């Protein structure tokens, strides 16, 4: 939910998106939780956001969603949205 970045399902983050700039270097990344063991997030404050949770495609859909099932459609959508070739 605004003003937070990423993809959210209610109060739980499904996908983290980040950009870091420093020392003349820019890095960026994306983490889509497909079949992540969500119990690890019980030990931290994810993304430093108190009171917010983390979810996964598997949890939200109620079935196992492996990375290899998501990768090709994700890359196809990425290419379409950003008008690029990977």
PDB file of N, CA and C in Angstrom:
ATOM      1  N   UNK A   1       0.842  -1.206   0.000  1.00  0.00           N
ATOM      2  CA  UNK A   1       0.000   0.000   0.000  1.00  0.00           C
ATOM      3  C   UNK A   1       0.870   1.246   0.000  1.00  0.00           C
ATOM      4  N   UNK A   2       0.474   2.279  -0.699  1.00  0.00           N
ATOM      5  CA  UNK A   2       1.277   3.507  -0.681  1.00  0.00           C
ATOM      6  C   UNK A   2       1.500   3.964   0.750  1.00  0.00           C
ATOM      7  N   UNK A   3       2.645   4.462   1.094  1.00  0.00           N
ATOM      8  CA  UNK A   3       3.751   4.864   0.231  1.00  0.00           C
ATOM      9  C   UNK A   3       4.824   3.791   0.094  1.00  0.00           C
ATOM     10  N   UNK A   4       4.532   2.549   0.424  1.00  0.00           N
ATOM     11  CA  UNK A   4       5.536   1.485   0.409  1.00  0.00           C
ATOM     12  C   UNK A   4       5.740   0.921  -0.999  1.00  0.00           C
ATOM     13  N   UNK A   5       6.999   0.615  -1.325  1.00  0.00           N
ATOM     14  CA  UNK A   5       7.293   0.025  -2.636  1.00  0.00           C
ATOM     15  C   UNK A   5       7.045  -1.475  -2.593  1.00  0.00           C
ATOM     16  N   UNK A   6       6.989  -2.072  -3.758  1.00  0.00           N
ATOM     17  CA  UNK A   6       6.804  -3.506  -3.858  1.00  0.00           C
ATOM     18  C   UNK A   6       5.405  -3.863  -4.305  1.00  0.00           C
ATOM     19  N   UNK A   7       5.127  -5.156  -4.251  1.00  0.00           N
ATOM     20  CA  UNK A   7       3.800  -5.675  -4.583  1.00  0.00           C
ATOM     21  C   UNK A   7       3.208  -6.217  -3.295  1.00  0.00           C
ATOM     22  N   UNK A   8       1.999  -5.777  -2.980  1.00  0.00           N
ATOM     23  CA  UNK A   8       1.364  -6.089  -1.700  1.00  0.00           C
ATOM     24  C   UNK A   8       0.065  -6.847  -1.886  1.00  0.00           C
ATOM     25  N   UNK A   9      -0.216  -7.734  -0.946  1.00  0.00           N
ATOM     26  CA  UNK A   9      -1.507  -8.401  -0.809  1.00  0.00           C
ATOM     27  C   UNK A   9      -2.001  -7.982   0.575  1.00  0.00           C
ATOM     28  N   UNK A  10      -2.858  -6.961   0.617  1.00  0.00           N
ATOM     29  CA  UNK A  10      -3.288  -6.427   1.912  1.00  0.00           C
ATOM     30  C   UNK A  10      -2.100  -5.807   2.624  1.00  0.00           C
ATOM     31  N   UNK A  11      -1.833  -6.256   3.854  1.00  0.00           N
ATOM     32  CA  UNK A  11      -0.707  -5.748   4.639  1.00  0.00           C
ATOM     33  C   UNK A  11       0.532  -6.632   4.539  1.00  0.00           C
ATOM     34  N   UNK A  12       0.570  -7.518   3.554  1.00  0.00           N
ATOM     35  CA  UNK A  12       1.706  -8.429   3.404  1.00  0.00           C
ATOM     36  C   UNK A  12       2.380  -8.216   2.052  1.00  0.00           C
ATOM     37  N   UNK A  13       3.710  -8.128   2.100  1.00  0.00           N
ATOM     38  CA  UNK A  13       4.491  -7.906   0.878  1.00  0.00           C
ATOM     39  C   UNK A  13       4.727  -9.223   0.152  1.00  0.00           C
ATOM     40  N   UNK A  14       4.393  -9.234  -1.123  1.00  0.00           N
ATOM     41  CA  UNK A  14       4.583 -10.396  -1.978  1.00  0.00           C
ATOM     42  C   UNK A  14       5.876 -10.291  -2.780  1.00  0.00           C
ATOM     43  N   UNK A  15       6.244  -9.061  -3.141  1.00  0.00           N
ATOM     44  CA  UNK A  15       7.408  -8.836  -3.991  1.00  0.00           C
ATOM     45  C   UNK A  15       8.126  -7.570  -3.542  1.00  0.00           C
ATOM     46  N   UNK A  16       9.407  -7.680  -3.268  1.00  0.00           N
ATOM     47  CA  UNK A  16      10.216  -6.535  -2.877  1.00  0.00           C
ATOM     48  C   UNK A  16      10.959  -5.996  -4.098  1.00  0.00           C
ATOM     49  N   UNK A  17      10.977  -4.684  -4.203  1.00  0.00           N
ATOM     50  CA  UNK A  17      11.673  -4.017  -5.297  1.00  0.00           C
ATOM     51  C   UNK A  17      12.576  -2.965  -4.673  1.00  0.00           C
ATOM     52  N   UNK A  18      13.837  -2.931  -5.064  1.00  0.00           N
ATOM     53  CA  UNK A  18      14.738  -1.977  -4.444  1.00  0.00           C
ATOM     54  C   UNK A  18      15.785  -1.416  -5.379  1.00  0.00           C
ATOM     55  N   UNK A  19      16.216  -0.210  -5.050  1.00  0.00           N
ATOM     56  CA  UNK A  19      17.296   0.467  -5.767  1.00  0.00           C
ATOM     57  C   UNK A  19      18.223   1.052  -4.717  1.00  0.00           C
ATOM     58  N   UNK A  20      19.514   0.909  -4.924  1.00  0.00           N
ATOM     59  CA  UNK A  20      20.500   1.483  -4.016  1.00  0.00           C
ATOM     60  C   UNK A  20      21.534   2.238  -4.838  1.00  0.00           C
ATOM     61  N   UNK A  21      21.835   3.440  -4.416  1.00  0.00           N
ATOM     62  CA  UNK A  21      22.864   4.251  -5.075  1.00  0.00           C
ATOM     63  C   UNK A  21      23.895   4.659  -4.032  1.00  0.00           C
ATOM     64  N   UNK A  22      25.167   4.467  -4.340  1.00  0.00           N
ATOM     65  CA  UNK A  22      26.215   4.870  -3.424  1.00  0.00           C
ATOM     66  C   UNK A  22      27.584   4.624  -4.015  1.00  0.00           C
ATOM     67  N   UNK A  23      28.524   5.493  -3.695  1.00  0.00           N
ATOM     68  CA  UNK A  23      29.904   5.366  -4.165  1.00  0.00           C
ATOM     69  C   UNK A  23      29.987   5.192  -5.685  1.00  0.00           C
ATOM     70  N   UNK A  24      29.171   5.948  -6.405  1.00  0.00           N
ATOM     71  CA  UNK A  24      29.164   5.932  -7.869  1.00  0.00           C
ATOM     72  C   UNK A  24      28.722   4.592  -8.456  1.00  0.00           C
ATOM     73  N   UNK A  25      27.992   3.807  -7.648  1.00  0.00           N
ATOM     74  CA  UNK A  25      27.484   2.513  -8.107  1.00  0.00           C
ATOM     75  C   UNK A  25      25.975   2.473  -7.834  1.00  0.00           C
ATOM     76  N   UNK A  26      25.225   2.014  -8.829  1.00  0.00           N
ATOM     77  CA  UNK A  26      23.790   1.833  -8.670  1.00  0.00           C
ATOM     78  C   UNK A  26      23.479   0.357  -8.787  1.00  0.00           C
ATOM     79  N   UNK A  27      22.733  -0.174  -7.835  1.00  0.00           N
ATOM     80  CA  UNK A  27      22.301  -1.559  -7.917  1.00  0.00           C
ATOM     81  C   UNK A  27      20.796  -1.605  -7.700  1.00  0.00           C
ATOM     82  N   UNK A  28      20.195  -2.633  -8.227  1.00  0.00           N
ATOM     83  CA  UNK A  28      18.755  -2.763  -8.114  1.00  0.00           C
ATOM     84  C   UNK A  28      18.409  -4.244  -8.025  1.00  0.00           C
ATOM     85  N   UNK A  29      17.218  -4.524  -7.550  1.00  0.00           N
ATOM     86  CA  UNK A  29      16.836  -5.917  -7.425  1.00  0.00           C
ATOM     87  C   UNK A  29      15.345  -6.092  -7.239  1.00  0.00           C
ATOM     88  N   UNK A  30      14.940  -7.329  -7.353  1.00  0.00           N
ATOM     89  CA  UNK A  30      13.545  -7.689  -7.230  1.00  0.00           C
ATOM     90  C   UNK A  30      13.490  -9.083  -6.605  1.00  0.00           C
ATOM     91  N   UNK A  31      12.618  -9.274  -5.647  1.00  0.00           N
ATOM     92  CA  UNK A  31      12.454 -10.586  -5.023  1.00  0.00           C
ATOM     93  C   UNK A  31      10.975 -10.926  -4.972  1.00  0.00           C
ATOM     94  N   UNK A  32      10.562 -11.889  -5.786  1.00  0.00           N
ATOM     95  CA  UNK A  32       9.181 -12.356  -5.817  1.00  0.00           C
ATOM     96  C   UNK A  32       9.121 -13.646  -5.010  1.00  0.00           C
ATOM     97  N   UNK A  33       8.345 -13.635  -3.945  1.00  0.00           N
ATOM     98  CA  UNK A  33       8.230 -14.815  -3.088  1.00  0.00           C
ATOM     99  C   UNK A  33       7.284 -15.825  -3.725  1.00  0.00           C
ATOM    100  N   UNK A  34       7.860 -16.921  -4.199  1.00  0.00           N
ATOM    101  CA  UNK A  34       7.049 -17.967  -4.844  1.00  0.00           C
ATOM    102  C   UNK A  34       6.673 -19.052  -3.845  1.00  0.00           C
ATOM    103  N   UNK A  35       7.670 -19.757  -3.332  1.00  0.00           N
ATOM    104  CA  UNK A  35       7.419 -20.853  -2.387  1.00  0.00           C
ATOM    105  C   UNK A  35       8.348 -20.695  -1.176  1.00  0.00           C
ATOM    106  N   UNK A  36       8.496 -19.477  -0.756  1.00  0.00           N
ATOM    107  CA  UNK A  36       9.390 -19.111   0.333  1.00  0.00           C
ATOM    108  C   UNK A  36       8.901 -19.669   1.668  1.00  0.00           C
ATOM    109  N   UNK A  37       9.824 -20.130   2.500  1.00  0.00           N
ATOM    110  CA  UNK A  37       9.492 -20.521   3.874  1.00  0.00           C
ATOM    111  C   UNK A  37       9.281 -19.241   4.668  1.00  0.00           C
ATOM    112  N   UNK A  38       8.033 -18.889   4.895  1.00  0.00           N
ATOM    113  CA  UNK A  38       7.703 -17.604   5.527  1.00  0.00           C
ATOM    114  C   UNK A  38       8.040 -17.558   7.012  1.00  0.00           C
ATOM    115  N   UNK A  39       8.341 -18.693   7.639  1.00  0.00           N
ATOM    116  CA  UNK A  39       8.656 -18.676   9.073  1.00  0.00           C
ATOM    117  C   UNK A  39       9.933 -17.897   9.371  1.00  0.00           C
ATOM    118  N   UNK A  40      10.843 -17.779   8.394  1.00  0.00           N
ATOM    119  CA  UNK A  40      12.078 -17.014   8.607  1.00  0.00           C
ATOM    120  C   UNK A  40      11.763 -15.548   8.893  1.00  0.00           C
ATOM    121  N   UNK A  41      10.682 -15.038   8.340  1.00  0.00           N
ATOM    122  CA  UNK A  41      10.336 -13.638   8.518  1.00  0.00           C
ATOM    123  C   UNK A  41       9.813 -13.335   9.920  1.00  0.00           C
ATOM    124  N   UNK A  42       9.526 -14.364  10.714  1.00  0.00           N
ATOM    125  CA  UNK A  42       9.093 -14.168  12.102  1.00  0.00           C
ATOM    126  C   UNK A  42      10.233 -13.662  12.981  1.00  0.00           C
ATOM    127  N   UNK A  43      11.471 -13.767  12.501  1.00  0.00           N
ATOM    128  CA  UNK A  43      12.646 -13.406  13.292  1.00  0.00           C
ATOM    129  C   UNK A  43      13.185 -12.011  12.968  1.00  0.00           C
ATOM    130  N   UNK A  44      12.572 -11.337  12.012  1.00  0.00           N
ATOM    131  CA  UNK A  44      13.051 -10.014  11.607  1.00  0.00           C
ATOM    132  C   UNK A  44      11.863  -9.081  11.407  1.00  0.00           C
ATOM    133  N   UNK A  45      12.166  -7.825  11.192  1.00  0.00           N
ATOM    134  CA  UNK A  45      11.156  -6.853  10.774  1.00  0.00           C
ATOM    135  C   UNK A  45      11.382  -6.663   9.278  1.00  0.00           C
ATOM    136  N   UNK A  46      10.603  -7.372   8.444  1.00  0.00           N
ATOM    137  CA  UNK A  46      10.851  -7.331   6.997  1.00  0.00           C
ATOM    138  C   UNK A  46      10.822  -5.916   6.440  1.00  0.00           C
ATOM    139  N   UNK A  47      11.857  -5.585   5.708  1.00  0.00           N
ATOM    140  CA  UNK A  47      12.000  -4.274   5.065  1.00  0.00           C
ATOM    141  C   UNK A  47      11.920  -3.124   6.065  1.00  0.00           C
ATOM    142  N   UNK A  48      12.093  -3.425   7.343  1.00  0.00           N
ATOM    143  CA  UNK A  48      12.044  -2.397   8.372  1.00  0.00           C
ATOM    144  C   UNK A  48      10.651  -1.831   8.606  1.00  0.00           C
ATOM    145  N   UNK A  49       9.619  -2.548   8.185  1.00  0.00           N
ATOM    146  CA  UNK A  49       8.249  -2.052   8.290  1.00  0.00           C
ATOM    147  C   UNK A  49       7.507  -2.764   9.419  1.00  0.00           C
ATOM    148  N   UNK A  50       7.435  -2.099  10.568  1.00  0.00           N
ATOM    149  CA  UNK A  50       6.724  -2.654  11.720  1.00  0.00           C
ATOM    150  C   UNK A  50       5.258  -2.867  11.378  1.00  0.00           C
ATOM    151  N   UNK A  51       4.701  -3.998  11.800  1.00  0.00           N
ATOM    152  CA  UNK A  51       3.284  -4.257  11.634  1.00  0.00           C
ATOM    153  C   UNK A  51       2.873  -4.747  10.253  1.00  0.00           C
ATOM    154  N   UNK A  52       3.841  -4.946   9.366  1.00  0.00           N
ATOM    155  CA  UNK A  52       3.550  -5.456   8.028  1.00  0.00           C
ATOM    156  C   UNK A  52       4.098  -6.875   7.922  1.00  0.00           C
ATOM    157  N   UNK A  53       3.482  -7.676   7.077  1.00  0.00           N
ATOM    158  CA  UNK A  53       3.907  -9.057   6.929  1.00  0.00           C
ATOM    159  C   UNK A  53       4.500  -9.344   5.566  1.00  0.00           C
ATOM    160  N   UNK A  54       4.779 -10.608   5.344  1.00  0.00           N
ATOM    161  CA  UNK A  54       5.314 -11.092   4.077  1.00  0.00           C
ATOM    162  C   UNK A  54       4.460 -12.283   3.663  1.00  0.00           C
ATOM    163  N   UNK A  55       4.214 -12.415   2.385  1.00  0.00           N
ATOM    164  CA  UNK A  55       3.451 -13.546   1.876  1.00  0.00           C
ATOM    165  C   UNK A  55       4.138 -14.111   0.643  1.00  0.00           C
ATOM    166  N   UNK A  56       3.582 -15.163   0.094  1.00  0.00           N
ATOM    167  CA  UNK A  56       4.140 -15.799  -1.098  1.00  0.00           C
ATOM    168  C   UNK A  56       3.003 -16.185  -2.041  1.00  0.00           C
ATOM    169  N   UNK A  57       3.352 -16.446  -3.285  1.00  0.00           N
ATOM    170  CA  UNK A  57       2.353 -16.930  -4.235  1.00  0.00           C
ATOM    171  C   UNK A  57       1.744 -18.240  -3.755  1.00  0.00           C
ATOM    172  N   UNK A  58       2.587 -19.142  -3.243  1.00  0.00           N
ATOM    173  CA  UNK A  58       2.090 -20.427  -2.747  1.00  0.00           C
ATOM    174  C   UNK A  58       1.072 -20.235  -1.629  1.00  0.00           C
ATOM    175  N   UNK A  59       1.385 -19.343  -0.696  1.00  0.00           N
ATOM    176  CA  UNK A  59       0.471 -19.091   0.429  1.00  0.00           C
ATOM    177  C   UNK A  59      -0.839 -18.488  -0.068  1.00  0.00           C
ATOM    178  N   UNK A  60      -0.751 -17.509  -0.934  1.00  0.00           N
ATOM    179  CA  UNK A  60      -1.946 -16.812  -1.413  1.00  0.00           C
ATOM    180  C   UNK A  60      -2.826 -17.693  -2.289  1.00  0.00           C
ATOM    181  N   UNK A  61      -2.217 -18.575  -3.082  1.00  0.00           N
ATOM    182  CA  UNK A  61      -2.977 -19.427  -3.995  1.00  0.00           C
ATOM    183  C   UNK A  61      -3.375 -20.768  -3.378  1.00  0.00           C
ATOM    184  N   UNK A  62      -2.787 -21.077  -2.215  1.00  0.00           N
ATOM    185  CA  UNK A  62      -3.111 -22.330  -1.544  1.00  0.00           C
ATOM    186  C   UNK A  62      -2.591 -23.561  -2.250  1.00  0.00           C
ATOM    187  N   UNK A  63      -1.541 -23.390  -3.035  1.00  0.00           N
ATOM    188  CA  UNK A  63      -0.891 -24.518  -3.716  1.00  0.00           C
ATOM    189  C   UNK A  63       0.570 -24.166  -3.960  1.00  0.00           C
ATOM    190  N   UNK A  64       1.398 -25.187  -4.121  1.00  0.00           N
ATOM    191  CA  UNK A  64       2.830 -24.960  -4.337  1.00  0.00           C
ATOM    192  C   UNK A  64       3.059 -24.285  -5.689  1.00  0.00           C
ATOM    193  N   UNK A  65       3.751 -23.167  -5.656  1.00  0.00           N
ATOM    194  CA  UNK A  65       4.113 -22.439  -6.881  1.00  0.00           C
ATOM    195  C   UNK A  65       5.633 -22.340  -6.904  1.00  0.00           C
ATOM    196  N   UNK A  66       6.257 -23.144  -7.752  1.00  0.00           N
ATOM    197  CA  UNK A  66       7.715 -23.175  -7.849  1.00  0.00           C
ATOM    198  C   UNK A  66       8.218 -22.030  -8.719  1.00  0.00           C
ATOM    199  N   UNK A  67       9.445 -21.617  -8.474  1.00  0.00           N
ATOM    200  CA  UNK A  67      10.066 -20.537  -9.244  1.00  0.00           C
ATOM    201  C   UNK A  67      10.053 -20.862 -10.738  1.00  0.00           C
ATOM    202  N   UNK A  68      10.343 -22.109 -11.098  1.00  0.00           N
ATOM    203  CA  UNK A  68      10.402 -22.455 -12.523  1.00  0.00           C
ATOM    204  C   UNK A  68       9.034 -22.367 -13.211  1.00  0.00           C
ATOM    205  N   UNK A  69       7.944 -22.350 -12.445  1.00  0.00           N
ATOM    206  CA  UNK A  69       6.614 -22.158 -13.027  1.00  0.00           C
ATOM    207  C   UNK A  69       6.317 -20.682 -13.287  1.00  0.00           C
ATOM    208  N   UNK A  70       7.016 -19.816 -12.598  1.00  0.00           N
ATOM    209  CA  UNK A  70       6.743 -18.380 -12.661  1.00  0.00           C
ATOM    210  C   UNK A  70       7.739 -17.647 -13.555  1.00  0.00           C
ATOM    211  N   UNK A  71       8.931 -18.187 -13.693  1.00  0.00           N
ATOM    212  CA  UNK A  71      10.019 -17.473 -14.348  1.00  0.00           C
ATOM    213  C   UNK A  71       9.698 -17.041 -15.779  1.00  0.00           C
ATOM    214  N   UNK A  72       9.256 -17.968 -16.636  1.00  0.00           N
ATOM    215  CA  UNK A  72       9.004 -17.613 -18.035  1.00  0.00           C
ATOM    216  C   UNK A  72       7.884 -16.574 -18.185  1.00  0.00           C
ATOM    217  N   UNK A  73       6.712 -16.754 -17.533  1.00  0.00           N
ATOM    218  CA  UNK A  73       5.689 -15.712 -17.659  1.00  0.00           C
ATOM    219  C   UNK A  73       6.136 -14.367 -17.078  1.00  0.00           C
ATOM    220  N   UNK A  74       6.919 -14.416 -16.008  1.00  0.00           N
ATOM    221  CA  UNK A  74       7.430 -13.176 -15.426  1.00  0.00           C
ATOM    222  C   UNK A  74       8.341 -12.450 -16.413  1.00  0.00           C
ATOM    223  N   UNK A  75       9.285 -13.189 -17.014  1.00  0.00           N
ATOM    224  CA  UNK A  75      10.216 -12.573 -17.961  1.00  0.00           C
ATOM    225  C   UNK A  75       9.490 -12.061 -19.200  1.00  0.00           C
ATOM    226  N   UNK A  76       8.477 -12.794 -19.664  1.00  0.00           N
ATOM    227  CA  UNK A  76       7.677 -12.328 -20.803  1.00  0.00           C
ATOM    228  C   UNK A  76       6.994 -11.001 -20.481  1.00  0.00           C
ATOM    229  N   UNK A  77       6.397 -10.914 -19.304  1.00  0.00           N
ATOM    230  CA  UNK A  77       5.723  -9.675 -18.882  1.00  0.00           C
ATOM    231  C   UNK A  77       6.723  -8.537 -18.719  1.00  0.00           C
ATOM    232  N   UNK A  78       7.895  -8.839 -18.147  1.00  0.00           N
ATOM    233  CA  UNK A  78       8.940  -7.832 -17.960  1.00  0.00           C
ATOM    234  C   UNK A  78       9.330  -7.232 -19.311  1.00  0.00           C
ATOM    235  N   UNK A  79       9.567  -8.105 -20.299  1.00  0.00           N
ATOM    236  CA  UNK A  79       9.951  -7.633 -21.631  1.00  0.00           C
ATOM    237  C   UNK A  79       8.868  -6.765 -22.254  1.00  0.00           C
ATOM    238  N   UNK A  80       7.625  -7.141 -22.061  1.00  0.00           N
ATOM    239  CA  UNK A  80       6.517  -6.376 -22.626  1.00  0.00           C
ATOM    240  C   UNK A  80       6.388  -5.001 -21.953  1.00  0.00           C
ATOM    241  N   UNK A  81       6.430  -4.993 -20.632  1.00  0.00           N
ATOM    242  CA  UNK A  81       6.278  -3.730 -19.893  1.00  0.00           C
ATOM    243  C   UNK A  81       7.419  -2.767 -20.171  1.00  0.00           C
ATOM    244  N   UNK A  82       8.654  -3.283 -20.199  1.00  0.00           N
ATOM    245  CA  UNK A  82       9.831  -2.434 -20.345  1.00  0.00           C
ATOM    246  C   UNK A  82      10.337  -2.368 -21.794  1.00  0.00           C
ATOM    247  N   UNK A  83       9.586  -2.950 -22.710  1.00  0.00           N
ATOM    248  CA  UNK A  83       9.900  -2.905 -24.144  1.00  0.00           C
ATOM    249  C   UNK A  83      11.376  -3.227 -24.392  1.00  0.00           C
ATOM    250  N   UNK A  84      11.754  -4.423 -23.932  1.00  0.00           N
ATOM    251  CA  UNK A  84      13.155  -4.846 -24.056  1.00  0.00           C
ATOM    252  C   UNK A  84      13.215  -6.318 -24.403  1.00  0.00           C
ATOM    253  N   UNK A  85      14.414  -6.785 -24.713  1.00  0.00           N
ATOM    254  CA  UNK A  85      14.660  -8.183 -24.990  1.00  0.00           C
ATOM    255  C   UNK A  85      15.649  -8.706 -23.949  1.00  0.00           C
ATOM    256  N   UNK A  86      15.325  -9.815 -23.333  1.00  0.00           N
ATOM    257  CA  UNK A  86      16.208 -10.414 -22.327  1.00  0.00           C
ATOM    258  C   UNK A  86      16.910 -11.624 -22.914  1.00  0.00           C
TER     259      UNK A  86
END
